[in-house]
Amino acid sequence: MGSAWKAVADDNRRQVLLILRDGEKTPSEIARHFSFTLPALSTHLRVLKDAGLVGERKEGQRKFYSVNREGMSDIADFLDEFWDENLRKLKQHAEAKERKKNRK
C-alpha cells in the first residue's frame, strides 16, 4: 500500500485519477487537462500504474488508461475507517437527541 500512498501524494496524479474516474482515456485526452508535456504525463501514468492504481489497455498503437478500482481499495478502506467512526458518532448523537426530545 505504501507505493499507492506515494503515488497519490502528488496533486497532478490525483487529478489524473479524477479525470479517469468516469472511464478510460488516451494520454492525449488526459493531457488536455494539464500544461505539462506528454513525457511528463507518461511519468505520472507510470507511477500510478506501478502503484496498481491505473490500468493500461493497448489497442494497436493506442494506449488507454483507466482507474484500477481494486488497486484503489486499500486507500478507500483506510479512509472508510474515518467515515465509519464519524457516522457511528453522528448516529449516537442523533439517537441521543431523539431520546431527549421524546422525554419532554
PDB file of N, CA and C in Angstrom:
ATOM      1  N   MET A   1       0.819  -1.191   0.000  1.00  0.00           N
ATOM      2  CA  MET A   1       0.000   0.000   0.000  1.00  0.00           C
ATOM      3  C   MET A   1       0.863   1.255   0.000  1.00  0.00           C
ATOM      4  N   GLY A   2       2.095   1.174   0.420  1.00  0.00           N
ATOM      5  CA  GLY A   2       2.963   2.347   0.503  1.00  0.00           C
ATOM      6  C   GLY A   2       3.145   3.057  -0.816  1.00  0.00           C
ATOM      7  N   SER A   3       3.331   2.306  -1.894  1.00  0.00           N
ATOM      8  CA  SER A   3       3.537   2.954  -3.186  1.00  0.00           C
ATOM      9  C   SER A   3       2.266   3.650  -3.661  1.00  0.00           C
ATOM     10  N   ALA A   4       1.099   3.136  -3.291  1.00  0.00           N
ATOM     11  CA  ALA A   4      -0.157   3.797  -3.659  1.00  0.00           C
ATOM     12  C   ALA A   4      -0.255   5.152  -2.977  1.00  0.00           C
ATOM     13  N   TRP A   5       0.114   5.197  -1.705  1.00  0.00           N
ATOM     14  CA  TRP A   5       0.063   6.473  -0.987  1.00  0.00           C
ATOM     15  C   TRP A   5       1.067   7.459  -1.566  1.00  0.00           C
ATOM     16  N   LYS A   6       2.242   6.973  -1.917  1.00  0.00           N
ATOM     17  CA  LYS A   6       3.234   7.857  -2.540  1.00  0.00           C
ATOM     18  C   LYS A   6       2.726   8.362  -3.880  1.00  0.00           C
ATOM     19  N   ALA A   7       2.063   7.501  -4.623  1.00  0.00           N
ATOM     20  CA  ALA A   7       1.549   7.900  -5.935  1.00  0.00           C
ATOM     21  C   ALA A   7       0.494   8.992  -5.812  1.00  0.00           C
ATOM     22  N   VAL A   8      -0.398   8.884  -4.853  1.00  0.00           N
ATOM     23  CA  VAL A   8      -1.459   9.887  -4.720  1.00  0.00           C
ATOM     24  C   VAL A   8      -1.032  11.108  -3.917  1.00  0.00           C
ATOM     25  N   ALA A   9       0.207  11.104  -3.452  1.00  0.00           N
ATOM     26  CA  ALA A   9       0.713  12.279  -2.735  1.00  0.00           C
ATOM     27  C   ALA A   9       0.904  13.467  -3.672  1.00  0.00           C
ATOM     28  N   ASP A  10       0.994  13.206  -4.949  1.00  0.00           N
ATOM     29  CA  ASP A  10       1.208  14.259  -5.945  1.00  0.00           C
ATOM     30  C   ASP A  10      -0.136  14.790  -6.454  1.00  0.00           C
ATOM     31  N   ASP A  11      -0.301  16.108  -6.429  1.00  0.00           N
ATOM     32  CA  ASP A  11      -1.550  16.736  -6.885  1.00  0.00           C
ATOM     33  C   ASP A  11      -1.903  16.361  -8.320  1.00  0.00           C
ATOM     34  N   ASN A  12      -0.916  16.347  -9.198  1.00  0.00           N
ATOM     35  CA  ASN A  12      -1.178  16.037 -10.606  1.00  0.00           C
ATOM     36  C   ASN A  12      -1.674  14.608 -10.784  1.00  0.00           C
ATOM     37  N   ARG A  13      -1.109  13.680 -10.031  1.00  0.00           N
ATOM     38  CA  ARG A  13      -1.545  12.291 -10.150  1.00  0.00           C
ATOM     39  C   ARG A  13      -2.955  12.108  -9.597  1.00  0.00           C
ATOM     40  N   ARG A  14      -3.283  12.836  -8.529  1.00  0.00           N
ATOM     41  CA  ARG A  14      -4.661  12.776  -8.033  1.00  0.00           C
ATOM     42  C   ARG A  14      -5.617  13.326  -9.090  1.00  0.00           C
ATOM     43  N   GLN A  15      -5.203  14.388  -9.777  1.00  0.00           N
ATOM     44  CA  GLN A  15      -6.037  14.956 -10.841  1.00  0.00           C
ATOM     45  C   GLN A  15      -6.210  13.954 -11.985  1.00  0.00           C
ATOM     46  N   VAL A  16      -5.147  13.232 -12.335  1.00  0.00           N
ATOM     47  CA  VAL A  16      -5.244  12.196 -13.374  1.00  0.00           C
ATOM     48  C   VAL A  16      -6.288  11.162 -12.966  1.00  0.00           C
ATOM     49  N   LEU A  17      -6.257  10.725 -11.711  1.00  0.00           N
ATOM     50  CA  LEU A  17      -7.240   9.746 -11.236  1.00  0.00           C
ATOM     51  C   LEU A  17      -8.664  10.288 -11.346  1.00  0.00           C
ATOM     52  N   LEU A  18      -8.837  11.556 -11.027  1.00  0.00           N
ATOM     53  CA  LEU A  18     -10.167  12.161 -11.151  1.00  0.00           C
ATOM     54  C   LEU A  18     -10.628  12.212 -12.602  1.00  0.00           C
ATOM     55  N   ILE A  19      -9.713  12.501 -13.501  1.00  0.00           N
ATOM     56  CA  ILE A  19     -10.032  12.538 -14.931  1.00  0.00           C
ATOM     57  C   ILE A  19     -10.432  11.148 -15.422  1.00  0.00           C
ATOM     58  N   LEU A  20      -9.765  10.133 -14.911  1.00  0.00           N
ATOM     59  CA  LEU A  20     -10.040   8.752 -15.331  1.00  0.00           C
ATOM     60  C   LEU A  20     -11.233   8.128 -14.608  1.00  0.00           C
ATOM     61  N   ARG A  21     -11.747   8.803 -13.628  1.00  0.00           N
ATOM     62  CA  ARG A  21     -12.840   8.270 -12.804  1.00  0.00           C
ATOM     63  C   ARG A  21     -14.036   7.827 -13.647  1.00  0.00           C
ATOM     64  N   ASP A  22     -14.343   8.571 -14.706  1.00  0.00           N
ATOM     65  CA  ASP A  22     -15.542   8.281 -15.492  1.00  0.00           C
ATOM     66  C   ASP A  22     -15.307   7.329 -16.657  1.00  0.00           C
ATOM     67  N   GLY A  23     -14.083   6.866 -16.827  1.00  0.00           N
ATOM     68  CA  GLY A  23     -13.827   5.920 -17.901  1.00  0.00           C
ATOM     69  C   GLY A  23     -12.442   6.086 -18.483  1.00  0.00           C
ATOM     70  N   GLU A  24     -12.085   5.135 -19.328  1.00  0.00           N
ATOM     71  CA  GLU A  24     -10.731   5.126 -19.872  1.00  0.00           C
ATOM     72  C   GLU A  24     -10.522   6.263 -20.867  1.00  0.00           C
ATOM     73  N   LYS A  25      -9.248   6.696 -20.901  1.00  0.00           N
ATOM     74  CA  LYS A  25      -8.866   7.794 -21.779  1.00  0.00           C
ATOM     75  C   LYS A  25      -7.460   7.537 -22.316  1.00  0.00           C
ATOM     76  N   THR A  26      -7.182   8.127 -23.463  1.00  0.00           N
ATOM     77  CA  THR A  26      -5.838   8.067 -24.023  1.00  0.00           C
ATOM     78  C   THR A  26      -4.975   9.125 -23.342  1.00  0.00           C
ATOM     79  N   PRO A  27      -3.654   8.996 -23.443  1.00  0.00           N
ATOM     80  CA  PRO A  27      -2.792  10.031 -22.880  1.00  0.00           C
ATOM     81  C   PRO A  27      -3.100  11.425 -23.449  1.00  0.00           C
ATOM     82  N   SER A  28      -3.406  11.499 -24.734  1.00  0.00           N
ATOM     83  CA  SER A  28      -3.725  12.805 -25.339  1.00  0.00           C
ATOM     84  C   SER A  28      -4.971  13.418 -24.707  1.00  0.00           C
ATOM     85  N   GLU A  29      -5.968  12.590 -24.445  1.00  0.00           N
ATOM     86  CA  GLU A  29      -7.190  13.089 -23.809  1.00  0.00           C
ATOM     87  C   GLU A  29      -6.911  13.572 -22.392  1.00  0.00           C
ATOM     88  N   ILE A  30      -6.057  12.867 -21.691  1.00  0.00           N
ATOM     89  CA  ILE A  30      -5.697  13.265 -20.323  1.00  0.00           C
ATOM     90  C   ILE A  30      -4.874  14.546 -20.353  1.00  0.00           C
ATOM     91  N   ALA A  31      -3.938  14.622 -21.300  1.00  0.00           N
ATOM     92  CA  ALA A  31      -3.006  15.751 -21.369  1.00  0.00           C
ATOM     93  C   ALA A  31      -3.707  17.082 -21.596  1.00  0.00           C
ATOM     94  N   ARG A  32      -4.893  17.061 -22.189  1.00  0.00           N
ATOM     95  CA  ARG A  32      -5.630  18.316 -22.427  1.00  0.00           C
ATOM     96  C   ARG A  32      -5.929  19.073 -21.148  1.00  0.00           C
ATOM     97  N   HIS A  33      -5.907  18.382 -20.042  1.00  0.00           N
ATOM     98  CA  HIS A  33      -6.231  18.997 -18.755  1.00  0.00           C
ATOM     99  C   HIS A  33      -5.014  19.593 -18.042  1.00  0.00           C
ATOM    100  N   PHE A  34      -3.833  19.445 -18.636  1.00  0.00           N
ATOM    101  CA  PHE A  34      -2.599  19.870 -17.971  1.00  0.00           C
ATOM    102  C   PHE A  34      -1.763  20.760 -18.890  1.00  0.00           C
ATOM    103  N   SER A  35      -0.872  21.498 -18.285  1.00  0.00           N
ATOM    104  CA  SER A  35       0.027  22.339 -19.071  1.00  0.00           C
ATOM    105  C   SER A  35       1.394  21.691 -19.277  1.00  0.00           C
ATOM    106  N   PHE A  36       1.642  20.528 -18.686  1.00  0.00           N
ATOM    107  CA  PHE A  36       2.934  19.884 -18.868  1.00  0.00           C
ATOM    108  C   PHE A  36       2.934  18.981 -20.101  1.00  0.00           C
ATOM    109  N   THR A  37       4.091  18.457 -20.435  1.00  0.00           N
ATOM    110  CA  THR A  37       4.293  17.707 -21.675  1.00  0.00           C
ATOM    111  C   THR A  37       3.772  16.272 -21.572  1.00  0.00           C
ATOM    112  N   LEU A  38       3.611  15.632 -22.725  1.00  0.00           N
ATOM    113  CA  LEU A  38       3.222  14.221 -22.750  1.00  0.00           C
ATOM    114  C   LEU A  38       4.239  13.326 -22.047  1.00  0.00           C
ATOM    115  N   PRO A  39       5.561  13.576 -22.216  1.00  0.00           N
ATOM    116  CA  PRO A  39       6.519  12.759 -21.456  1.00  0.00           C
ATOM    117  C   PRO A  39       6.342  12.892 -19.936  1.00  0.00           C
ATOM    118  N   ALA A  40       6.010  14.095 -19.477  1.00  0.00           N
ATOM    119  CA  ALA A  40       5.770  14.276 -18.037  1.00  0.00           C
ATOM    120  C   ALA A  40       4.519  13.516 -17.623  1.00  0.00           C
ATOM    121  N   LEU A  41       3.484  13.568 -18.450  1.00  0.00           N
ATOM    122  CA  LEU A  41       2.265  12.810 -18.161  1.00  0.00           C
ATOM    123  C   LEU A  41       2.565  11.319 -18.145  1.00  0.00           C
ATOM    124  N   SER A  42       3.387  10.854 -19.071  1.00  0.00           N
ATOM    125  CA  SER A  42       3.755   9.437 -19.108  1.00  0.00           C
ATOM    126  C   SER A  42       4.406   9.008 -17.810  1.00  0.00           C
ATOM    127  N   THR A  43       5.222   9.869 -17.236  1.00  0.00           N
ATOM    128  CA  THR A  43       5.860   9.570 -15.951  1.00  0.00           C
ATOM    129  C   THR A  43       4.806   9.413 -14.865  1.00  0.00           C
ATOM    130  N   HIS A  44       3.847  10.330 -14.829  1.00  0.00           N
ATOM    131  CA  HIS A  44       2.776  10.241 -13.828  1.00  0.00           C
ATOM    132  C   HIS A  44       1.961   8.962 -14.024  1.00  0.00           C
ATOM    133  N   LEU A  45       1.638   8.650 -15.260  1.00  0.00           N
ATOM    134  CA  LEU A  45       0.873   7.435 -15.542  1.00  0.00           C
ATOM    135  C   LEU A  45       1.645   6.180 -15.146  1.00  0.00           C
ATOM    136  N   ARG A  46       2.950   6.180 -15.375  1.00  0.00           N
ATOM    137  CA  ARG A  46       3.773   5.028 -14.998  1.00  0.00           C
ATOM    138  C   ARG A  46       3.780   4.849 -13.480  1.00  0.00           C
ATOM    139  N   VAL A  47       3.899   5.947 -12.736  1.00  0.00           N
ATOM    140  CA  VAL A  47       3.889   5.857 -11.268  1.00  0.00           C
ATOM    141  C   VAL A  47       2.547   5.296 -10.791  1.00  0.00           C
ATOM    142  N   LEU A  48       1.448   5.801 -11.366  1.00  0.00           N
ATOM    143  CA  LEU A  48       0.127   5.310 -10.989  1.00  0.00           C
ATOM    144  C   LEU A  48      -0.057   3.840 -11.369  1.00  0.00           C
ATOM    145  N   LYS A  49       0.447   3.471 -12.528  1.00  0.00           N
ATOM    146  CA  LYS A  49       0.343   2.086 -12.984  1.00  0.00           C
ATOM    147  C   LYS A  49       1.181   1.163 -12.094  1.00  0.00           C
ATOM    148  N   ASP A  50       2.415   1.563 -11.795  1.00  0.00           N
ATOM    149  CA  ASP A  50       3.281   0.755 -10.927  1.00  0.00           C
ATOM    150  C   ASP A  50       2.697   0.582  -9.530  1.00  0.00           C
ATOM    151  N   ALA A  51       1.934   1.580  -9.075  1.00  0.00           N
ATOM    152  CA  ALA A  51       1.295   1.512  -7.759  1.00  0.00           C
ATOM    153  C   ALA A  51       0.005   0.687  -7.797  1.00  0.00           C
ATOM    154  N   GLY A  52      -0.397   0.269  -8.988  1.00  0.00           N
ATOM    155  CA  GLY A  52      -1.612  -0.529  -9.119  1.00  0.00           C
ATOM    156  C   GLY A  52      -2.892   0.280  -9.123  1.00  0.00           C
ATOM    157  N   LEU A  53      -2.782   1.598  -9.296  1.00  0.00           N
ATOM    158  CA  LEU A  53      -3.960   2.458  -9.251  1.00  0.00           C
ATOM    159  C   LEU A  53      -4.584   2.689 -10.622  1.00  0.00           C
ATOM    160  N   VAL A  54      -3.796   2.436 -11.666  1.00  0.00           N
ATOM    161  CA  VAL A  54      -4.251   2.671 -13.036  1.00  0.00           C
ATOM    162  C   VAL A  54      -3.939   1.433 -13.867  1.00  0.00           C
ATOM    163  N   GLY A  55      -4.874   1.092 -14.734  1.00  0.00           N
ATOM    164  CA  GLY A  55      -4.657   0.001 -15.670  1.00  0.00           C
ATOM    165  C   GLY A  55      -4.421   0.557 -17.067  1.00  0.00           C
ATOM    166  N   GLU A  56      -3.760  -0.245 -17.888  1.00  0.00           N
ATOM    167  CA  GLU A  56      -3.444   0.167 -19.261  1.00  0.00           C
ATOM    168  C   GLU A  56      -3.945  -0.908 -20.219  1.00  0.00           C
ATOM    169  N   ARG A  57      -4.594  -0.462 -21.287  1.00  0.00           N
ATOM    170  CA  ARG A  57      -5.066  -1.370 -22.319  1.00  0.00           C
ATOM    171  C   ARG A  57      -4.544  -0.859 -23.658  1.00  0.00           C
ATOM    172  N   LYS A  58      -3.961  -1.769 -24.443  1.00  0.00           N
ATOM    173  CA  LYS A  58      -3.436  -1.390 -25.752  1.00  0.00           C
ATOM    174  C   LYS A  58      -4.388  -1.863 -26.836  1.00  0.00           C
ATOM    175  N   GLU A  59      -4.586  -0.989 -27.803  1.00  0.00           N
ATOM    176  CA  GLU A  59      -5.394  -1.303 -28.971  1.00  0.00           C
ATOM    177  C   GLU A  59      -4.603  -0.813 -30.177  1.00  0.00           C
ATOM    178  N   GLY A  60      -3.893  -1.708 -30.805  1.00  0.00           N
ATOM    179  CA  GLY A  60      -2.984  -1.305 -31.878  1.00  0.00           C
ATOM    180  C   GLY A  60      -1.871  -0.455 -31.301  1.00  0.00           C
ATOM    181  N   GLN A  61      -1.688   0.714 -31.858  1.00  0.00           N
ATOM    182  CA  GLN A  61      -0.661   1.639 -31.372  1.00  0.00           C
ATOM    183  C   GLN A  61      -1.159   2.522 -30.226  1.00  0.00           C
ATOM    184  N   ARG A  62      -2.444   2.487 -29.976  1.00  0.00           N
ATOM    185  CA  ARG A  62      -3.026   3.375 -28.959  1.00  0.00           C
ATOM    186  C   ARG A  62      -3.045   2.708 -27.590  1.00  0.00           C
ATOM    187  N   LYS A  63      -2.890   3.529 -26.566  1.00  0.00           N
ATOM    188  CA  LYS A  63      -2.987   3.069 -25.181  1.00  0.00           C
ATOM    189  C   LYS A  63      -4.167   3.776 -24.532  1.00  0.00           C
ATOM    190  N   PHE A  64      -4.867   3.034 -23.710  1.00  0.00           N
ATOM    191  CA  PHE A  64      -5.989   3.575 -22.959  1.00  0.00           C
ATOM    192  C   PHE A  64      -5.727   3.311 -21.481  1.00  0.00           C
ATOM    193  N   TYR A  65      -5.968   4.327 -20.663  1.00  0.00           N
ATOM    194  CA  TYR A  65      -5.756   4.204 -19.226  1.00  0.00           C
ATOM    195  C   TYR A  65      -7.087   4.329 -18.502  1.00  0.00           C
ATOM    196  N   SER A  66      -7.195   3.598 -17.407  1.00  0.00           N
ATOM    197  CA  SER A  66      -8.404   3.652 -16.582  1.00  0.00           C
ATOM    198  C   SER A  66      -8.021   3.420 -15.128  1.00  0.00           C
ATOM    199  N   VAL A  67      -8.902   3.821 -14.236  1.00  0.00           N
ATOM    200  CA  VAL A  67      -8.683   3.604 -12.803  1.00  0.00           C
ATOM    201  C   VAL A  67      -8.819   2.111 -12.516  1.00  0.00           C
ATOM    202  N   ASN A  68      -7.882   1.586 -11.768  1.00  0.00           N
ATOM    203  CA  ASN A  68      -7.950   0.208 -11.290  1.00  0.00           C
ATOM    204  C   ASN A  68      -8.632   0.257  -9.925  1.00  0.00           C
ATOM    205  N   ARG A  69      -9.913  -0.012  -9.915  1.00  0.00           N
ATOM    206  CA  ARG A  69     -10.697   0.122  -8.678  1.00  0.00           C
ATOM    207  C   ARG A  69     -10.199  -0.832  -7.587  1.00  0.00           C
ATOM    208  N   GLU A  70      -9.712  -2.001  -7.968  1.00  0.00           N
ATOM    209  CA  GLU A  70      -9.146  -2.916  -6.972  1.00  0.00           C
ATOM    210  C   GLU A  70      -7.930  -2.300  -6.307  1.00  0.00           C
ATOM    211  N   GLY A  71      -7.081  -1.663  -7.109  1.00  0.00           N
ATOM    212  CA  GLY A  71      -5.890  -1.021  -6.569  1.00  0.00           C
ATOM    213  C   GLY A  71      -6.222   0.126  -5.636  1.00  0.00           C
ATOM    214  N   MET A  72      -7.353   0.767  -5.870  1.00  0.00           N
ATOM    215  CA  MET A  72      -7.780   1.890  -5.035  1.00  0.00           C
ATOM    216  C   MET A  72      -8.405   1.416  -3.726  1.00  0.00           C
ATOM    217  N   SER A  73      -8.737   0.128  -3.646  1.00  0.00           N
ATOM    218  CA  SER A  73      -9.493  -0.361  -2.486  1.00  0.00           C
ATOM    219  C   SER A  73      -8.739  -0.219  -1.167  1.00  0.00           C
ATOM    220  N   ASP A  74      -7.418  -0.384  -1.168  1.00  0.00           N
ATOM    221  CA  ASP A  74      -6.667  -0.233   0.089  1.00  0.00           C
ATOM    222  C   ASP A  74      -6.778   1.190   0.629  1.00  0.00           C
ATOM    223  N   ILE A  75      -6.656   2.153  -0.264  1.00  0.00           N
ATOM    224  CA  ILE A  75      -6.773   3.552   0.156  1.00  0.00           C
ATOM    225  C   ILE A  75      -8.201   3.831   0.614  1.00  0.00           C
ATOM    226  N   ALA A  76      -9.167   3.362  -0.158  1.00  0.00           N
ATOM    227  CA  ALA A  76     -10.580   3.584   0.197  1.00  0.00           C
ATOM    228  C   ALA A  76     -10.917   2.934   1.535  1.00  0.00           C
ATOM    229  N   ASP A  77     -10.441   1.714   1.752  1.00  0.00           N
ATOM    230  CA  ASP A  77     -10.708   1.020   3.018  1.00  0.00           C
ATOM    231  C   ASP A  77     -10.125   1.788   4.200  1.00  0.00           C
ATOM    232  N   PHE A  78      -8.923   2.312   4.026  1.00  0.00           N
ATOM    233  CA  PHE A  78      -8.296   3.084   5.094  1.00  0.00           C
ATOM    234  C   PHE A  78      -9.124   4.329   5.401  1.00  0.00           C
ATOM    235  N   LEU A  79      -9.514   5.068   4.371  1.00  0.00           N
ATOM    236  CA  LEU A  79     -10.290   6.290   4.572  1.00  0.00           C
ATOM    237  C   LEU A  79     -11.679   5.995   5.119  1.00  0.00           C
ATOM    238  N   ASP A  80     -12.249   4.867   4.742  1.00  0.00           N
ATOM    239  CA  ASP A  80     -13.566   4.480   5.254  1.00  0.00           C
ATOM    240  C   ASP A  80     -13.562   4.322   6.765  1.00  0.00           C
ATOM    241  N   GLU A  81     -12.430   3.941   7.319  1.00  0.00           N
ATOM    242  CA  GLU A  81     -12.358   3.785   8.766  1.00  0.00           C
ATOM    243  C   GLU A  81     -12.647   5.102   9.477  1.00  0.00           C
ATOM    244  N   PHE A  82     -12.265   6.213   8.880  1.00  0.00           N
ATOM    245  CA  PHE A  82     -12.552   7.515   9.467  1.00  0.00           C
ATOM    246  C   PHE A  82     -14.040   7.834   9.336  1.00  0.00           C
ATOM    247  N   TRP A  83     -14.617   7.519   8.171  1.00  0.00           N
ATOM    248  CA  TRP A  83     -16.041   7.780   7.965  1.00  0.00           C
ATOM    249  C   TRP A  83     -16.882   6.904   8.865  1.00  0.00           C
ATOM    250  N   ASP A  84     -16.525   5.629   8.997  1.00  0.00           N
ATOM    251  CA  ASP A  84     -17.304   4.724   9.827  1.00  0.00           C
ATOM    252  C   ASP A  84     -17.393   5.246  11.257  1.00  0.00           C
ATOM    253  N   GLU A  85     -16.289   5.723  11.789  1.00  0.00           N
ATOM    254  CA  GLU A  85     -16.281   6.248  13.159  1.00  0.00           C
ATOM    255  C   GLU A  85     -17.128   7.510  13.247  1.00  0.00           C
ATOM    256  N   ASN A  86     -16.984   8.400  12.272  1.00  0.00           N
ATOM    257  CA  ASN A  86     -17.778   9.632  12.274  1.00  0.00           C
ATOM    258  C   ASN A  86     -19.261   9.336  12.129  1.00  0.00           C
ATOM    259  N   LEU A  87     -19.609   8.396  11.267  1.00  0.00           N
ATOM    260  CA  LEU A  87     -21.017   8.034  11.098  1.00  0.00           C
ATOM    261  C   LEU A  87     -21.582   7.406  12.365  1.00  0.00           C
ATOM    262  N   ARG A  88     -20.768   6.592  13.040  1.00  0.00           N
ATOM    263  CA  ARG A  88     -21.217   5.991  14.302  1.00  0.00           C
ATOM    264  C   ARG A  88     -21.499   7.083  15.323  1.00  0.00           C
ATOM    265  N   LYS A  89     -20.598   8.065  15.419  1.00  0.00           N
ATOM    266  CA  LYS A  89     -20.787   9.169  16.371  1.00  0.00           C
ATOM    267  C   LYS A  89     -22.008  10.012  16.003  1.00  0.00           C
ATOM    268  N   LEU A  90     -22.204  10.262  14.719  1.00  0.00           N
ATOM    269  CA  LEU A  90     -23.369  11.025  14.279  1.00  0.00           C
ATOM    270  C   LEU A  90     -24.655  10.283  14.630  1.00  0.00           C
ATOM    271  N   LYS A  91     -24.671   8.984  14.411  1.00  0.00           N
ATOM    272  CA  LYS A  91     -25.842   8.169  14.742  1.00  0.00           C
ATOM    273  C   LYS A  91     -26.134   8.244  16.237  1.00  0.00           C
ATOM    274  N   GLN A  92     -25.086   8.110  17.067  1.00  0.00           N
ATOM    275  CA  GLN A  92     -25.273   8.178  18.513  1.00  0.00           C
ATOM    276  C   GLN A  92     -25.825   9.541  18.923  1.00  0.00           C
ATOM    277  N   HIS A  93     -25.308  10.591  18.323  1.00  0.00           N
ATOM    278  CA  HIS A  93     -25.752  11.951  18.634  1.00  0.00           C
ATOM    279  C   HIS A  93     -27.228  12.124  18.260  1.00  0.00           C
ATOM    280  N   ALA A  94     -27.595  11.671  17.060  1.00  0.00           N
ATOM    281  CA  ALA A  94     -28.988  11.800  16.604  1.00  0.00           C
ATOM    282  C   ALA A  94     -29.927  11.001  17.495  1.00  0.00           C
ATOM    283  N   GLU A  95     -29.509   9.795  17.869  1.00  0.00           N
ATOM    284  CA  GLU A  95     -30.347   8.965  18.737  1.00  0.00           C
ATOM    285  C   GLU A  95     -30.494   9.596  20.117  1.00  0.00           C
ATOM    286  N   ALA A  96     -29.418  10.187  20.643  1.00  0.00           N
ATOM    287  CA  ALA A  96     -29.489  10.844  21.954  1.00  0.00           C
ATOM    288  C   ALA A  96     -30.419  12.051  21.900  1.00  0.00           C
ATOM    289  N   LYS A  97     -30.357  12.819  20.801  1.00  0.00           N
ATOM    290  CA  LYS A  97     -31.253  13.965  20.651  1.00  0.00           C
ATOM    291  C   LYS A  97     -32.704  13.500  20.580  1.00  0.00           C
ATOM    292  N   GLU A  98     -32.944  12.422  19.871  1.00  0.00           N
ATOM    293  CA  GLU A  98     -34.299  11.892  19.731  1.00  0.00           C
ATOM    294  C   GLU A  98     -34.830  11.422  21.081  1.00  0.00           C
ATOM    295  N   ARG A  99     -33.977  10.726  21.855  1.00  0.00           N
ATOM    296  CA  ARG A  99     -34.396  10.262  23.193  1.00  0.00           C
ATOM    297  C   ARG A  99     -34.717  11.451  24.083  1.00  0.00           C
ATOM    298  N   LYS A 100     -33.879  12.474  24.022  1.00  0.00           N
ATOM    299  CA  LYS A 100     -34.074  13.672  24.842  1.00  0.00           C
ATOM    300  C   LYS A 100     -35.382  14.362  24.458  1.00  0.00           C
ATOM    301  N   LYS A 101     -35.654  14.439  23.161  1.00  0.00           N
ATOM    302  CA  LYS A 101     -36.869  15.065  22.650  1.00  0.00           C
ATOM    303  C   LYS A 101     -38.110  14.292  23.114  1.00  0.00           C
ATOM    304  N   ASN A 102     -38.013  12.962  23.093  1.00  0.00           N
ATOM    305  CA  ASN A 102     -39.149  12.125  23.460  1.00  0.00           C
ATOM    306  C   ASN A 102     -39.438  12.159  24.970  1.00  0.00           C
ATOM    307  N   ARG A 103     -38.439  12.511  25.770  1.00  0.00           N
ATOM    308  CA  ARG A 103     -38.628  12.595  27.224  1.00  0.00           C
ATOM    309  C   ARG A 103     -39.387  13.862  27.623  1.00  0.00           C
ATOM    310  N   LYS A 104     -39.410  14.846  26.756  1.00  0.00           N
ATOM    311  CA  LYS A 104     -40.059  16.121  27.101  1.00  0.00           C
ATOM    312  C   LYS A 104     -41.554  16.012  27.044  1.00  0.00           C
TER     313      LYS A 104
END
